[in-house]
Amino acid sequence: MKNRKVSTRSLIFGIAIELLIAIIMGYAVGSVSIGVLYKPLLIAVTKPFVCPNGEMTYTQHKETIGNDTYTYISFFCIDERSGIKTDLDSNTVFLYGTPFYSLIFFAVILISTYLYWYSNYGPAKNEGLHLW
């Protein structure tokens, strides 16, 4: 079988699309969803940027309206010297966590694409890419 090559323009476009998808997933899936489920990792990633001179903590609030339960998280920065507790905006914390999760998703997407492309079922060994 003959391996087919991809044009440089197509490769750059594909990588740019994968990067865009990784950034969106980094915010929505990584920072917000995984960050809320596993808060110590989110705090470890964002603390140097959001709360460099203190301890970053959080509190979790639950509110029940009818049959639905809503959970809210508030992040705080406690200054080590003065002990002052400062409320942090949750969106700021999530935005600072986005690059970390985006890089992880980008690496996973790139490796998956590479493994598929050069597999026995991929376009590199089966006469190119057929979209329809």
Protein backbone atom coordinates (compact mmCIF):
# COMPACT_ATOMS: atom_id res chain seq x y z
CA MET A 1 0.00 0.00 0.00
CA LYS A 2 1.10 3.51 -0.75
CA ASN A 3 1.05 6.21 1.94
CA ARG A 4 -0.60 9.44 0.86
CA LYS A 5 0.64 12.82 1.99
CA VAL A 6 -1.47 15.72 3.21
CA SER A 7 -0.88 19.24 1.94
CA THR A 8 0.66 21.67 4.42
CA ARG A 9 -2.33 24.00 4.16
CA SER A 10 -4.77 21.21 5.03
CA LEU A 11 -2.59 20.10 7.92
CA ILE A 12 -2.39 23.62 9.39
CA PHE A 13 -6.15 24.09 8.99
CA GLY A 14 -6.84 20.75 10.69
CA ILE A 15 -4.55 21.54 13.61
CA ALA A 16 -6.14 24.99 14.00
CA ILE A 17 -9.62 23.40 14.15
CA GLU A 18 -8.38 20.85 16.70
CA LEU A 19 -6.89 23.66 18.79
CA LEU A 20 -10.18 25.59 18.71
CA ILE A 21 -12.10 22.49 19.80
CA ALA A 22 -9.55 21.89 22.57
CA ILE A 23 -9.93 25.46 23.87
CA ILE A 24 -13.72 25.17 23.98
CA MET A 25 -13.48 21.77 25.68
CA GLY A 26 -10.82 23.12 28.05
CA TYR A 27 -13.24 25.70 29.37
CA ALA A 28 -16.56 23.84 29.28
CA VAL A 29 -15.49 20.28 30.05
CA GLY A 30 -12.19 20.77 31.80
CA SER A 31 -12.25 23.90 33.86
CA VAL A 32 -15.94 24.13 34.68
CA SER A 33 -17.04 20.48 34.83
CA ILE A 34 -13.94 18.57 35.91
CA GLY A 35 -12.76 21.55 37.97
CA VAL A 36 -15.97 21.57 39.96
CA LEU A 37 -15.95 17.79 40.44
CA TYR A 38 -12.29 17.72 41.50
CA LYS A 39 -11.63 21.11 43.10
CA PRO A 40 -8.09 20.49 44.45
CA LEU A 41 -6.70 20.22 40.90
CA LEU A 42 -8.46 23.42 39.80
CA ILE A 43 -7.16 25.22 42.88
CA ALA A 44 -3.62 23.91 42.31
CA VAL A 45 -3.67 25.12 38.69
CA THR A 46 -5.20 28.56 39.28
CA LYS A 47 -3.76 29.53 42.67
CA PRO A 48 -0.45 30.97 41.35
CA PHE A 49 -2.36 33.36 39.09
CA VAL A 50 -5.50 34.18 41.05
CA CYS A 51 -4.20 34.08 44.63
CA PRO A 52 -0.37 34.27 44.59
CA ASN A 53 0.13 35.62 48.13
CA GLY A 54 -2.38 33.55 50.02
CA GLU A 55 -4.35 30.38 50.47
CA MET A 56 -7.13 29.62 48.01
CA THR A 57 -10.23 27.92 49.45
CA TYR A 58 -13.82 27.31 48.46
CA THR A 59 -17.23 26.82 49.99
CA GLN A 60 -20.08 24.86 48.50
CA HIS A 61 -23.69 26.00 48.83
CA LYS A 62 -26.74 23.86 48.08
CA GLU A 63 -30.13 25.32 47.38
CA THR A 64 -33.32 23.36 46.80
CA ILE A 65 -36.08 24.85 44.70
CA GLY A 66 -39.01 22.48 44.32
CA ASN A 67 -37.61 19.09 43.37
CA ASP A 68 -34.35 20.49 41.97
CA THR A 69 -31.14 20.97 43.92
CA TYR A 70 -28.65 23.59 42.77
CA THR A 71 -25.04 23.66 43.93
CA TYR A 72 -23.00 26.86 43.96
CA ILE A 73 -19.30 27.18 44.63
CA SER A 74 -17.62 30.30 45.94
CA PHE A 75 -13.85 30.66 45.80
CA PHE A 76 -11.90 32.74 48.31
CA CYS A 77 -8.36 33.97 48.72
CA ILE A 78 -7.11 34.27 52.29
CA ASP A 79 -4.07 36.53 52.63
CA GLU A 80 -1.32 34.82 54.67
CA ARG A 81 -0.12 38.00 56.37
CA SER A 82 -3.31 39.83 57.27
CA GLY A 83 -5.84 36.97 57.15
CA ILE A 84 -8.23 39.01 54.99
CA LYS A 85 -10.67 36.82 53.05
CA THR A 86 -11.29 38.05 49.50
CA ASP A 87 -14.14 36.72 47.36
CA LEU A 88 -12.99 35.54 43.91
CA ASP A 89 -15.17 35.53 40.82
CA SER A 90 -15.82 31.91 39.75
CA ASN A 91 -15.58 32.80 36.05
CA THR A 92 -12.10 34.25 36.60
CA VAL A 93 -10.99 31.05 38.31
CA PHE A 94 -12.40 28.96 35.46
CA LEU A 95 -10.77 31.15 32.79
CA TYR A 96 -7.36 30.83 34.44
CA GLY A 97 -7.80 27.05 34.53
CA THR A 98 -8.75 26.84 30.85
CA PRO A 99 -5.21 26.80 29.32
CA PHE A 100 -4.16 23.83 31.48
CA TYR A 101 -7.15 21.70 30.50
CA SER A 102 -7.01 22.90 26.86
CA LEU A 103 -3.43 21.67 26.48
CA ILE A 104 -4.42 18.27 27.84
CA PHE A 105 -7.38 18.00 25.46
CA PHE A 106 -5.28 19.25 22.53
CA ALA A 107 -2.64 16.58 23.16
CA VAL A 108 -5.29 13.85 23.40
CA ILE A 109 -7.01 15.01 20.19
CA LEU A 110 -3.72 15.26 18.29
CA ILE A 111 -2.53 11.81 19.37
CA SER A 112 -5.93 10.28 18.54
CA THR A 113 -5.93 11.89 15.11
CA TYR A 114 -2.40 10.69 14.39
CA LEU A 115 -3.17 7.13 15.51
CA TYR A 116 -6.34 7.02 13.39
CA TRP A 117 -4.72 8.60 10.33
CA TYR A 118 -1.95 6.00 10.12
CA SER A 119 -4.01 3.00 11.23
CA ASN A 120 -5.11 0.32 8.78
CA TYR A 121 -8.51 2.04 8.52
CA GLY A 122 -7.19 5.59 8.23
CA PRO A 123 -6.91 7.77 5.14
CA ALA A 124 -3.11 7.51 4.88
CA LYS A 125 -3.31 3.86 3.86
CA ASN A 126 -6.67 3.84 2.09
CA GLU A 127 -6.42 6.16 -0.91
CA GLY A 128 -6.91 9.43 0.94
CA LEU A 129 -9.65 11.12 2.83
CA HIS A 130 -13.22 10.55 1.60
CA LEU A 131 -15.75 12.91 3.17
CA TRP A 132 -18.78 11.49 1.32
